[in-house]
N, C-alpha and C. Protein backbone atom coordinates (compact mmCIF):
# COMPACT_ATOMS: atom_id res chain seq x y z
N MET A 1 33.87 -47.64 21.32
CA MET A 1 34.56 -47.45 22.58
C MET A 1 33.57 -47.18 23.71
N VAL A 2 32.54 -46.35 23.48
CA VAL A 2 31.57 -46.05 24.52
C VAL A 2 30.74 -47.29 24.83
N ALA A 3 30.39 -48.08 23.82
CA ALA A 3 29.63 -49.30 24.07
C ALA A 3 30.41 -50.24 24.98
N ALA A 4 31.71 -50.36 24.74
CA ALA A 4 32.55 -51.20 25.60
C ALA A 4 32.57 -50.64 27.02
N MET A 5 32.64 -49.31 27.12
CA MET A 5 32.67 -48.66 28.42
C MET A 5 31.37 -48.97 29.18
N LEU A 6 30.22 -48.84 28.51
CA LEU A 6 28.95 -49.10 29.16
C LEU A 6 28.78 -50.56 29.54
N SER A 7 29.37 -51.46 28.77
CA SER A 7 29.25 -52.89 29.08
C SER A 7 29.94 -53.22 30.40
N GLU A 8 30.83 -52.36 30.84
CA GLU A 8 31.53 -52.57 32.10
C GLU A 8 30.87 -51.80 33.25
N MET A 9 29.70 -51.25 32.99
CA MET A 9 28.99 -50.46 33.99
C MET A 9 27.63 -51.10 34.26
N ILE A 10 27.03 -50.72 35.39
CA ILE A 10 25.70 -51.21 35.70
C ILE A 10 24.69 -50.09 35.49
N GLU A 11 23.54 -50.45 34.97
CA GLU A 11 22.47 -49.46 34.74
C GLU A 11 21.72 -49.25 36.05
N LEU A 12 21.48 -48.00 36.38
CA LEU A 12 20.80 -47.67 37.63
C LEU A 12 19.29 -47.58 37.42
N THR A 13 18.56 -47.97 38.43
CA THR A 13 17.10 -47.82 38.44
C THR A 13 16.76 -46.40 38.91
N SER A 14 15.50 -46.02 38.79
CA SER A 14 15.08 -44.70 39.26
C SER A 14 15.29 -44.56 40.77
N GLU A 15 15.07 -45.64 41.50
CA GLU A 15 15.31 -45.61 42.95
C GLU A 15 16.79 -45.42 43.27
N GLU A 16 17.65 -46.10 42.53
CA GLU A 16 19.09 -45.94 42.74
C GLU A 16 19.54 -44.53 42.36
N LEU A 17 18.95 -43.97 41.30
CA LEU A 17 19.27 -42.59 40.91
C LEU A 17 18.86 -41.63 42.03
N GLN A 18 17.69 -41.84 42.60
CA GLN A 18 17.20 -41.02 43.72
C GLN A 18 18.18 -41.11 44.89
N ASN A 19 18.61 -42.30 45.23
CA ASN A 19 19.53 -42.48 46.36
C ASN A 19 20.90 -41.88 46.08
N LEU A 20 21.35 -41.94 44.84
CA LEU A 20 22.68 -41.47 44.48
C LEU A 20 22.76 -39.95 44.40
N VAL A 21 21.77 -39.32 43.76
CA VAL A 21 21.84 -37.88 43.51
C VAL A 21 20.65 -37.10 44.05
N GLY A 22 19.64 -37.76 44.56
CA GLY A 22 18.51 -37.05 45.14
C GLY A 22 17.55 -36.45 44.13
N ILE A 23 17.43 -37.08 42.98
CA ILE A 23 16.52 -36.58 41.93
C ILE A 23 15.26 -37.43 41.93
N ASP A 24 14.11 -36.79 42.18
CA ASP A 24 12.83 -37.49 42.23
C ASP A 24 12.33 -37.84 40.84
N SER A 25 11.66 -38.96 40.73
CA SER A 25 11.16 -39.41 39.42
C SER A 25 10.13 -38.44 38.83
N GLU A 26 9.47 -37.63 39.66
CA GLU A 26 8.51 -36.64 39.16
C GLU A 26 9.20 -35.49 38.44
N ASP A 27 10.53 -35.38 38.62
CA ASP A 27 11.28 -34.26 38.04
C ASP A 27 11.77 -34.53 36.62
N TYR A 28 11.61 -35.75 36.12
CA TYR A 28 12.12 -36.07 34.79
C TYR A 28 11.15 -36.93 34.00
N VAL A 29 11.32 -36.86 32.68
CA VAL A 29 10.52 -37.66 31.75
C VAL A 29 11.16 -39.02 31.56
N GLU A 30 12.47 -39.00 31.36
CA GLU A 30 13.23 -40.24 31.20
C GLU A 30 14.68 -39.99 31.57
N PHE A 31 15.41 -41.09 31.77
CA PHE A 31 16.81 -40.96 32.13
C PHE A 31 17.56 -42.21 31.71
N ALA A 32 18.87 -42.07 31.63
CA ALA A 32 19.78 -43.20 31.48
C ALA A 32 20.90 -42.91 32.47
N ALA A 33 21.21 -43.88 33.32
CA ALA A 33 22.25 -43.69 34.33
C ALA A 33 23.05 -44.97 34.48
N TYR A 34 24.36 -44.81 34.45
CA TYR A 34 25.27 -45.94 34.56
C TYR A 34 26.35 -45.61 35.56
N GLN A 35 26.79 -46.63 36.29
CA GLN A 35 27.84 -46.48 37.28
C GLN A 35 28.79 -47.66 37.13
N ALA A 36 30.07 -47.40 37.39
CA ALA A 36 31.05 -48.47 37.29
C ALA A 36 30.63 -49.64 38.18
N SER A 37 30.86 -50.83 37.69
CA SER A 37 30.47 -52.02 38.44
C SER A 37 31.47 -52.38 39.52
N TRP A 38 32.59 -51.69 39.58
CA TRP A 38 33.58 -51.94 40.63
C TRP A 38 33.77 -50.65 41.42
N GLY A 39 33.91 -50.76 42.72
CA GLY A 39 33.93 -49.62 43.61
C GLY A 39 35.13 -48.70 43.51
N THR A 40 36.19 -49.14 42.87
CA THR A 40 37.39 -48.30 42.81
C THR A 40 37.40 -47.37 41.60
N SER A 41 36.39 -47.43 40.77
CA SER A 41 36.32 -46.57 39.58
C SER A 41 35.43 -45.37 39.84
N ALA A 42 35.79 -44.24 39.27
CA ALA A 42 35.00 -43.02 39.41
C ALA A 42 33.89 -42.92 38.38
N ASP A 43 33.87 -43.80 37.39
CA ASP A 43 32.99 -43.66 36.23
C ASP A 43 31.50 -43.65 36.58
N GLU A 44 30.83 -42.60 36.11
CA GLU A 44 29.38 -42.48 36.18
C GLU A 44 28.92 -41.68 34.97
N ILE A 45 27.86 -42.12 34.35
CA ILE A 45 27.26 -41.41 33.23
C ILE A 45 25.77 -41.30 33.50
N ILE A 46 25.27 -40.06 33.53
CA ILE A 46 23.85 -39.82 33.80
C ILE A 46 23.35 -38.81 32.78
N ILE A 47 22.26 -39.16 32.11
CA ILE A 47 21.59 -38.25 31.18
C ILE A 47 20.11 -38.24 31.54
N ILE A 48 19.57 -37.06 31.77
CA ILE A 48 18.20 -36.93 32.25
C ILE A 48 17.46 -35.89 31.42
N GLN A 49 16.25 -36.23 31.00
CA GLN A 49 15.37 -35.26 30.36
C GLN A 49 14.38 -34.78 31.41
N ALA A 50 14.55 -33.55 31.85
CA ALA A 50 13.70 -32.96 32.89
C ALA A 50 12.31 -32.66 32.35
N VAL A 51 11.34 -32.55 33.26
CA VAL A 51 9.97 -32.25 32.85
C VAL A 51 9.82 -30.81 32.38
N ASP A 52 10.67 -29.91 32.87
CA ASP A 52 10.62 -28.51 32.42
C ASP A 52 11.97 -27.86 32.72
N SER A 53 12.10 -26.60 32.30
CA SER A 53 13.39 -25.92 32.45
C SER A 53 13.75 -25.66 33.91
N SER A 54 12.77 -25.42 34.75
CA SER A 54 13.04 -25.21 36.16
C SER A 54 13.66 -26.46 36.79
N LYS A 55 13.08 -27.61 36.48
CA LYS A 55 13.61 -28.87 37.01
C LYS A 55 14.97 -29.17 36.39
N ALA A 56 15.19 -28.77 35.15
CA ALA A 56 16.49 -28.98 34.50
C ALA A 56 17.58 -28.24 35.27
N TYR A 57 17.29 -27.01 35.68
CA TYR A 57 18.27 -26.25 36.48
C TYR A 57 18.52 -26.95 37.83
N ASP A 58 17.45 -27.45 38.46
CA ASP A 58 17.60 -28.15 39.74
C ASP A 58 18.44 -29.41 39.58
N ILE A 59 18.18 -30.17 38.52
CA ILE A 59 18.92 -31.39 38.26
C ILE A 59 20.39 -31.08 37.98
N GLU A 60 20.62 -30.03 37.21
CA GLU A 60 22.00 -29.62 36.93
C GLU A 60 22.75 -29.33 38.23
N ALA A 61 22.11 -28.63 39.15
CA ALA A 61 22.74 -28.31 40.43
C ALA A 61 23.05 -29.59 41.22
N LYS A 62 22.13 -30.55 41.21
CA LYS A 62 22.35 -31.80 41.94
C LYS A 62 23.48 -32.61 41.32
N LEU A 63 23.58 -32.60 40.00
CA LEU A 63 24.67 -33.33 39.36
C LEU A 63 26.02 -32.66 39.64
N LYS A 64 26.04 -31.34 39.71
CA LYS A 64 27.27 -30.64 40.08
C LYS A 64 27.66 -30.98 41.52
N GLU A 65 26.67 -31.08 42.40
CA GLU A 65 26.93 -31.49 43.78
C GLU A 65 27.51 -32.91 43.82
N ARG A 66 27.00 -33.78 42.96
CA ARG A 66 27.51 -35.15 42.90
C ARG A 66 28.98 -35.17 42.52
N VAL A 67 29.35 -34.37 41.53
CA VAL A 67 30.76 -34.29 41.12
C VAL A 67 31.61 -33.79 42.28
N GLU A 68 31.14 -32.77 42.97
CA GLU A 68 31.90 -32.23 44.10
C GLU A 68 32.04 -33.27 45.22
N HIS A 69 30.98 -34.02 45.47
CA HIS A 69 31.03 -35.08 46.48
C HIS A 69 32.08 -36.13 46.09
N LYS A 70 32.08 -36.51 44.83
CA LYS A 70 33.06 -37.50 44.37
C LYS A 70 34.48 -36.93 44.48
N ARG A 71 34.65 -35.65 44.21
CA ARG A 71 35.96 -35.01 44.31
C ARG A 71 36.46 -35.05 45.76
N LYS A 72 35.59 -34.67 46.69
CA LYS A 72 35.98 -34.68 48.10
C LYS A 72 36.29 -36.09 48.58
N SER A 73 35.51 -37.06 48.15
CA SER A 73 35.78 -38.45 48.51
C SER A 73 37.11 -38.91 47.92
N GLY A 74 37.38 -38.49 46.69
CA GLY A 74 38.62 -38.87 46.02
C GLY A 74 39.85 -38.28 46.67
N GLU A 75 39.70 -37.12 47.30
CA GLU A 75 40.82 -36.51 48.00
C GLU A 75 41.23 -37.32 49.22
N SER A 76 40.27 -38.03 49.81
CA SER A 76 40.54 -38.83 51.00
C SER A 76 41.12 -40.19 50.68
N TYR A 77 40.69 -40.76 49.57
CA TYR A 77 41.19 -42.06 49.14
C TYR A 77 40.99 -42.17 47.64
N LEU A 78 41.70 -43.07 47.02
CA LEU A 78 41.65 -43.25 45.58
C LEU A 78 41.98 -41.97 44.83
N THR A 79 43.06 -41.33 45.24
CA THR A 79 43.46 -40.07 44.62
C THR A 79 43.78 -40.24 43.14
N GLU A 80 44.02 -41.45 42.69
CA GLU A 80 44.28 -41.67 41.26
C GLU A 80 43.06 -41.35 40.40
N ASN A 81 41.88 -41.28 41.03
CA ASN A 81 40.66 -40.94 40.29
C ASN A 81 40.45 -39.43 40.16
N LEU A 82 41.21 -38.62 40.87
CA LEU A 82 40.98 -37.17 40.83
C LEU A 82 41.08 -36.57 39.44
N PRO A 83 42.05 -36.95 38.60
CA PRO A 83 42.07 -36.37 37.24
C PRO A 83 40.80 -36.69 36.44
N ILE A 84 40.24 -37.87 36.65
CA ILE A 84 39.01 -38.26 35.96
C ILE A 84 37.84 -37.41 36.46
N ILE A 85 37.77 -37.24 37.78
CA ILE A 85 36.69 -36.45 38.37
C ILE A 85 36.84 -34.98 37.99
N ASP A 86 38.07 -34.48 37.99
CA ASP A 86 38.31 -33.08 37.64
C ASP A 86 37.94 -32.78 36.18
N ALA A 87 37.97 -33.79 35.32
CA ALA A 87 37.62 -33.62 33.91
C ALA A 87 36.12 -33.83 33.65
N ALA A 88 35.36 -34.07 34.71
CA ALA A 88 33.92 -34.35 34.57
C ALA A 88 33.21 -33.22 33.83
N ILE A 89 32.18 -33.60 33.11
CA ILE A 89 31.36 -32.64 32.39
C ILE A 89 29.94 -32.73 32.93
N VAL A 90 29.41 -31.58 33.35
CA VAL A 90 27.99 -31.46 33.67
C VAL A 90 27.46 -30.37 32.75
N ARG A 91 26.44 -30.71 31.99
CA ARG A 91 25.91 -29.73 31.04
C ARG A 91 24.40 -29.83 30.94
N ARG A 92 23.81 -28.71 30.59
CA ARG A 92 22.37 -28.64 30.38
C ARG A 92 22.13 -28.13 28.97
N ASP A 93 21.37 -28.88 28.21
CA ASP A 93 20.99 -28.51 26.85
C ASP A 93 19.47 -28.52 26.80
N GLY A 94 18.88 -27.35 26.97
CA GLY A 94 17.42 -27.30 27.07
C GLY A 94 16.99 -28.00 28.35
N ASN A 95 16.12 -28.99 28.21
CA ASN A 95 15.67 -29.74 29.38
C ASN A 95 16.46 -31.02 29.59
N THR A 96 17.49 -31.25 28.81
CA THR A 96 18.34 -32.43 28.97
C THR A 96 19.58 -32.04 29.74
N VAL A 97 19.85 -32.80 30.79
CA VAL A 97 20.99 -32.53 31.66
C VAL A 97 21.83 -33.80 31.74
N SER A 98 23.14 -33.62 31.68
CA SER A 98 24.01 -34.79 31.72
C SER A 98 25.19 -34.58 32.65
N MET A 99 25.69 -35.69 33.15
CA MET A 99 26.92 -35.72 33.93
C MET A 99 27.75 -36.86 33.37
N LEU A 100 28.94 -36.54 32.92
CA LEU A 100 29.84 -37.53 32.36
C LEU A 100 31.11 -37.55 33.19
N ILE A 101 31.36 -38.66 33.84
CA ILE A 101 32.60 -38.86 34.59
C ILE A 101 33.16 -40.19 34.10
N THR A 102 34.22 -40.11 33.34
CA THR A 102 34.82 -41.32 32.79
C THR A 102 36.23 -41.04 32.29
N GLU A 103 37.03 -42.06 32.31
CA GLU A 103 38.38 -41.93 31.79
C GLU A 103 38.36 -41.61 30.30
N ASN A 104 37.31 -42.04 29.62
CA ASN A 104 37.13 -41.80 28.18
C ASN A 104 36.19 -40.62 27.95
N ILE A 105 36.46 -39.51 28.62
CA ILE A 105 35.55 -38.36 28.61
C ILE A 105 35.32 -37.81 27.20
N ASP A 106 36.37 -37.75 26.40
CA ASP A 106 36.22 -37.21 25.04
C ASP A 106 35.29 -38.07 24.20
N ALA A 107 35.44 -39.39 24.29
CA ALA A 107 34.59 -40.30 23.53
C ALA A 107 33.14 -40.21 24.02
N ALA A 108 32.95 -40.16 25.33
CA ALA A 108 31.59 -40.08 25.88
C ALA A 108 30.92 -38.78 25.47
N ASN A 109 31.66 -37.67 25.56
CA ASN A 109 31.09 -36.38 25.18
C ASN A 109 30.79 -36.32 23.69
N SER A 110 31.62 -36.93 22.88
CA SER A 110 31.39 -36.97 21.44
C SER A 110 30.10 -37.70 21.10
N VAL A 111 29.86 -38.81 21.77
CA VAL A 111 28.62 -39.58 21.55
C VAL A 111 27.43 -38.74 22.00
N TYR A 112 27.56 -38.10 23.15
CA TYR A 112 26.46 -37.27 23.67
C TYR A 112 26.12 -36.15 22.69
N GLU A 113 27.12 -35.50 22.14
CA GLU A 113 26.88 -34.37 21.23
C GLU A 113 26.21 -34.81 19.92
N LYS A 114 26.27 -36.07 19.57
CA LYS A 114 25.64 -36.55 18.34
C LYS A 114 24.11 -36.66 18.50
N PHE A 115 23.63 -36.63 19.73
CA PHE A 115 22.19 -36.71 19.94
C PHE A 115 21.63 -35.37 19.71
């Protein structure tokens, strides 16, 4: 199910990640970031391995800001996406930080927890 979900998303470059959430490439070791390929979907999945715990906290804060930005945007238009945004998960596990916003949140979180 998650593979099908990702096939409908576009993979973001480090520059696109910087523009979307303001995270500099010097702050992480590696990342995977996907965004819905159509503008009416709220779906975004971002997983980042920070260079250290301090940067992990900073990245977590920026991902929480991203969710809040999407929530405020959703209140103005595309209100049907609000339940998806409200169910978003932002979590930090050591130096790994993730943001999961998807209609299939349980499946995405289940895959994440297997890592």
